[in-house]
N, C-alpha and C. Protein backbone atom coordinates (compact mmCIF):
# COMPACT_ATOMS: atom_id res chain seq x y z
N UNK A 1 170.89 -47.47 -116.41
CA UNK A 1 171.01 -47.32 -117.92
C UNK A 1 169.34 -46.57 -118.24
N UNK A 2 168.70 -46.45 -117.74
CA UNK A 2 167.36 -46.49 -117.93
C UNK A 2 167.20 -45.02 -117.50
N UNK A 3 167.51 -44.78 -115.87
CA UNK A 3 167.31 -43.50 -115.34
C UNK A 3 168.42 -42.47 -115.76
N UNK A 4 169.66 -42.99 -116.00
CA UNK A 4 170.39 -41.65 -116.94
C UNK A 4 170.06 -41.09 -118.32
N UNK A 5 169.59 -42.48 -118.94
CA UNK A 5 168.68 -42.04 -120.59
C UNK A 5 168.00 -41.07 -120.29
N UNK A 6 166.61 -41.20 -119.27
CA UNK A 6 165.44 -40.18 -119.00
C UNK A 6 165.86 -39.05 -118.34
N UNK A 7 167.22 -39.07 -117.61
CA UNK A 7 167.71 -37.74 -117.14
C UNK A 7 168.03 -36.63 -118.04
N UNK A 8 168.62 -37.73 -119.03
CA UNK A 8 169.45 -36.66 -120.33
C UNK A 8 168.23 -36.00 -121.24
N UNK A 9 167.07 -36.95 -121.45
CA UNK A 9 166.45 -36.83 -122.43
C UNK A 9 165.19 -35.83 -122.36
N UNK A 10 164.68 -36.75 -121.15
CA UNK A 10 163.26 -36.07 -120.72
C UNK A 10 163.00 -35.47 -119.29
N UNK A 11 163.42 -35.89 -118.69
CA UNK A 11 163.71 -35.57 -117.06
C UNK A 11 163.59 -33.54 -117.13
N UNK A 12 164.18 -32.77 -117.92
CA UNK A 12 164.24 -31.32 -117.88
C UNK A 12 163.27 -30.64 -118.49
N UNK A 13 161.99 -31.90 -119.51
CA UNK A 13 161.14 -31.07 -119.81
C UNK A 13 159.77 -31.29 -118.64
N UNK A 14 159.76 -32.26 -117.90
CA UNK A 14 159.04 -32.78 -117.04
C UNK A 14 158.84 -32.22 -116.01
N UNK A 15 157.54 -32.27 -115.27
CA UNK A 15 157.30 -31.26 -113.87
C UNK A 15 157.67 -32.34 -112.66
N UNK A 16 157.28 -31.91 -111.53
CA UNK A 16 158.19 -32.55 -110.44
C UNK A 16 156.72 -33.75 -110.51
N UNK A 17 155.62 -33.64 -110.63
CA UNK A 17 154.87 -35.19 -110.40
C UNK A 17 155.09 -36.15 -111.54
N UNK A 18 155.69 -35.17 -112.56
CA UNK A 18 155.64 -36.75 -113.65
C UNK A 18 157.59 -37.34 -113.40
N UNK A 19 158.15 -36.65 -112.67
CA UNK A 19 159.57 -36.73 -112.57
C UNK A 19 159.64 -37.90 -111.24
N UNK A 20 158.86 -37.94 -110.25
CA UNK A 20 158.21 -38.59 -109.19
C UNK A 20 157.52 -40.00 -109.78
N UNK A 21 156.81 -40.11 -110.99
CA UNK A 21 156.38 -40.96 -111.48
C UNK A 21 156.85 -41.89 -111.97
N UNK A 22 158.00 -41.24 -112.57
CA UNK A 22 158.75 -42.03 -113.82
C UNK A 22 159.67 -43.16 -112.65
N UNK A 23 159.93 -42.29 -111.68
CA UNK A 23 161.08 -42.73 -110.33
C UNK A 23 160.17 -44.07 -110.01
N UNK A 24 159.05 -43.88 -109.64
CA UNK A 24 158.32 -45.29 -109.19
C UNK A 24 158.26 -46.56 -110.29
N UNK A 25 157.91 -45.79 -111.56
CA UNK A 25 157.89 -46.48 -112.23
C UNK A 25 159.47 -47.47 -112.72
N UNK A 26 160.64 -46.55 -112.09
CA UNK A 26 161.87 -47.49 -112.76
C UNK A 26 162.02 -48.40 -111.50
N UNK A 27 161.38 -48.08 -110.52
CA UNK A 27 161.30 -49.37 -109.43
C UNK A 27 160.48 -50.67 -109.88
N UNK A 28 159.57 -50.74 -110.39
CA UNK A 28 158.56 -51.81 -111.32
C UNK A 28 159.61 -52.10 -112.29
N UNK A 29 160.50 -52.11 -112.77
CA UNK A 29 161.45 -52.07 -114.20
C UNK A 29 162.54 -53.43 -113.25
N UNK A 30 162.41 -54.48 -114.23
CA UNK A 30 163.76 -55.67 -113.46
C UNK A 30 164.58 -55.13 -114.58
N UNK A 31 165.57 -55.52 -113.61
CA UNK A 31 166.50 -55.46 -114.16
C UNK A 31 167.48 -56.24 -115.68
N UNK A 32 168.15 -55.80 -116.23
CA UNK A 32 168.60 -56.77 -117.31
C UNK A 32 168.75 -58.41 -117.55
N UNK A 33 169.16 -58.70 -116.60
CA UNK A 33 169.28 -60.08 -116.68
C UNK A 33 167.98 -60.66 -116.07
N UNK A 34 167.54 -59.89 -115.37
CA UNK A 34 166.13 -60.65 -114.58
C UNK A 34 165.00 -60.92 -115.63
N UNK A 35 164.73 -59.69 -116.85
CA UNK A 35 164.01 -59.50 -118.07
C UNK A 35 164.63 -60.64 -118.78
N UNK A 36 165.92 -61.01 -118.97
CA UNK A 36 166.22 -62.29 -119.73
C UNK A 36 165.44 -63.24 -119.20
N UNK A 37 165.73 -63.62 -118.11
CA UNK A 37 165.88 -64.94 -117.11
C UNK A 37 164.00 -65.22 -117.49
N UNK A 38 163.17 -64.02 -117.34
CA UNK A 38 161.72 -64.29 -117.85
C UNK A 38 161.50 -64.13 -119.24
N UNK A 39 162.20 -63.87 -119.94
CA UNK A 39 161.83 -64.00 -121.56
C UNK A 39 162.09 -65.40 -121.81
N UNK A 40 163.52 -66.12 -121.11
CA UNK A 40 163.54 -67.24 -121.60
C UNK A 40 163.93 -68.14 -120.98
N UNK A 41 163.06 -68.95 -119.66
CA UNK A 41 163.05 -70.05 -118.95
C UNK A 41 163.27 -71.22 -119.20
N UNK A 42 164.38 -71.82 -118.64
CA UNK A 42 165.00 -73.02 -118.73
C UNK A 42 166.18 -72.75 -119.71
N UNK A 43 166.67 -72.00 -120.32
CA UNK A 43 167.53 -71.60 -120.97
C UNK A 43 169.08 -71.52 -120.05
N UNK A 44 169.97 -71.88 -120.46
CA UNK A 44 171.54 -71.14 -119.60
C UNK A 44 171.95 -70.48 -120.29
N UNK A 45 172.71 -69.77 -119.27
CA UNK A 45 173.12 -67.93 -119.19
C UNK A 45 173.92 -68.00 -120.53
N UNK A 46 174.31 -68.82 -120.94
CA UNK A 46 175.36 -68.76 -122.32
C UNK A 46 174.62 -68.49 -123.30
N UNK A 47 173.56 -69.30 -123.77
CA UNK A 47 172.85 -68.52 -124.76
C UNK A 47 171.69 -68.22 -124.43
N UNK A 48 170.96 -67.63 -123.04
CA UNK A 48 169.96 -66.88 -122.97
C UNK A 48 169.82 -65.61 -124.04
N UNK A 49 170.97 -64.93 -124.06
CA UNK A 49 170.96 -63.19 -124.54
C UNK A 49 170.92 -63.79 -125.78
N UNK A 50 171.35 -64.12 -126.75
CA UNK A 50 171.64 -64.93 -128.16
C UNK A 50 170.24 -65.36 -128.18
N UNK A 51 169.84 -66.16 -127.63
CA UNK A 51 167.69 -66.39 -128.29
C UNK A 51 167.09 -65.27 -127.91
N UNK A 52 166.90 -64.70 -126.83
CA UNK A 52 166.12 -63.24 -126.40
C UNK A 52 166.40 -62.23 -127.49
N UNK A 53 168.08 -61.84 -128.05
CA UNK A 53 167.93 -60.90 -128.62
C UNK A 53 167.58 -61.16 -130.29
N UNK A 54 167.46 -62.67 -130.89
CA UNK A 54 167.26 -63.64 -132.07
C UNK A 54 165.69 -62.93 -132.05
N UNK A 55 164.80 -63.75 -130.74
CA UNK A 55 163.37 -63.36 -130.78
C UNK A 55 163.30 -61.87 -131.09
N UNK A 56 163.67 -60.69 -130.32
CA UNK A 56 163.48 -59.35 -130.71
C UNK A 56 163.83 -58.82 -131.93
N UNK A 57 164.98 -59.39 -132.66
CA UNK A 57 165.09 -59.07 -133.98
C UNK A 57 163.88 -59.60 -134.88
N UNK A 58 163.43 -60.73 -134.88
CA UNK A 58 162.23 -61.17 -135.40
C UNK A 58 160.90 -60.48 -135.27
N UNK A 59 160.83 -60.16 -134.09
CA UNK A 59 159.53 -59.33 -133.95
C UNK A 59 159.77 -57.82 -134.63
N UNK A 60 160.95 -57.03 -135.04
CA UNK A 60 161.19 -56.18 -135.17
C UNK A 60 161.01 -56.30 -136.49
N UNK A 61 161.71 -57.41 -137.37
CA UNK A 61 161.14 -57.50 -138.67
C UNK A 61 159.82 -57.73 -138.66
N UNK A 62 159.40 -58.59 -138.04
CA UNK A 62 157.77 -58.56 -138.64
C UNK A 62 156.77 -57.13 -138.09
N UNK A 63 157.03 -56.61 -137.32
CA UNK A 63 156.79 -55.05 -136.94
C UNK A 63 156.88 -54.34 -138.12
N UNK A 64 157.86 -53.99 -138.87
CA UNK A 64 158.22 -53.17 -139.71
C UNK A 64 157.65 -53.67 -140.84
N UNK A 65 157.52 -54.84 -140.97
CA UNK A 65 156.70 -55.54 -142.36
C UNK A 65 155.22 -55.06 -142.06
N UNK A 66 154.86 -55.25 -141.25
CA UNK A 66 152.92 -54.95 -141.12
C UNK A 66 153.08 -53.58 -140.91
N UNK A 67 153.80 -52.80 -140.39
CA UNK A 67 153.94 -51.08 -140.69
C UNK A 67 153.83 -50.68 -142.34
N UNK A 68 154.30 -51.41 -142.91
CA UNK A 68 155.03 -50.95 -144.10
C UNK A 68 153.80 -51.59 -144.98
N UNK A 69 153.41 -52.45 -144.46
CA UNK A 69 151.82 -52.86 -145.52
C UNK A 69 150.86 -52.11 -145.29
N UNK A 70 150.69 -51.58 -144.05
CA UNK A 70 149.25 -50.56 -143.22
C UNK A 70 149.80 -49.50 -144.12
N UNK A 71 150.98 -49.01 -144.22
CA UNK A 71 151.24 -47.78 -144.76
C UNK A 71 150.92 -47.89 -146.27
N UNK A 72 151.36 -48.51 -146.93
CA UNK A 72 150.70 -49.06 -148.26
C UNK A 72 149.80 -48.84 -148.57
N UNK A 73 148.66 -49.91 -147.57
CA UNK A 73 147.20 -49.93 -147.64
C UNK A 73 146.76 -48.56 -147.49
N UNK A 74 146.86 -47.98 -146.54
CA UNK A 74 146.61 -46.48 -146.84
C UNK A 74 147.15 -45.53 -147.42
N UNK A 75 147.75 -45.67 -148.34
CA UNK A 75 148.46 -44.49 -149.25
C UNK A 75 147.43 -45.09 -150.39
N UNK A 76 147.30 -46.40 -150.88
CA UNK A 76 146.86 -46.92 -152.40
C UNK A 76 144.99 -46.09 -151.63
N UNK A 77 144.74 -46.74 -150.59
CA UNK A 77 143.41 -46.10 -150.52
C UNK A 77 143.06 -44.71 -150.27
N UNK A 78 144.07 -43.84 -149.93
CA UNK A 78 143.33 -42.43 -150.00
C UNK A 78 144.56 -41.98 -149.99
N UNK A 79 145.19 -41.29 -151.00
CA UNK A 79 146.20 -40.68 -151.45
C UNK A 79 146.29 -39.62 -151.06
N UNK A 80 147.44 -38.85 -150.82
CA UNK A 80 147.35 -37.50 -150.41
C UNK A 80 147.09 -36.28 -151.50
N UNK A 81 146.61 -35.26 -151.24
CA UNK A 81 146.12 -34.17 -151.98
C UNK A 81 146.96 -33.76 -153.28
N UNK A 82 148.18 -33.98 -152.90
CA UNK A 82 149.32 -33.90 -154.16
C UNK A 82 149.39 -34.75 -154.96
N UNK A 83 148.91 -35.96 -154.81
CA UNK A 83 149.19 -37.00 -155.49
C UNK A 83 147.89 -37.00 -156.95
N UNK A 84 146.81 -36.93 -156.25
CA UNK A 84 145.36 -36.73 -157.22
C UNK A 84 145.30 -35.23 -158.66
């Protein structure tokens, strides 16, 4: 899946050396199942994916909250030229 996404989106714009580097990178990436096992040791197969996806969802919500907070802080402290 990762290889196909790369081939369709970025590979046409990369040089030979970048394509080879990405190929080496892909060989180090674990499979989806292996990644789930690494992120959730001790869980059974049935609940593993649900727990990991829920953790990722929480991480994304927290990341968005922090991003918006930083953006608003920067906007308040230094408004753009058109706002003054």
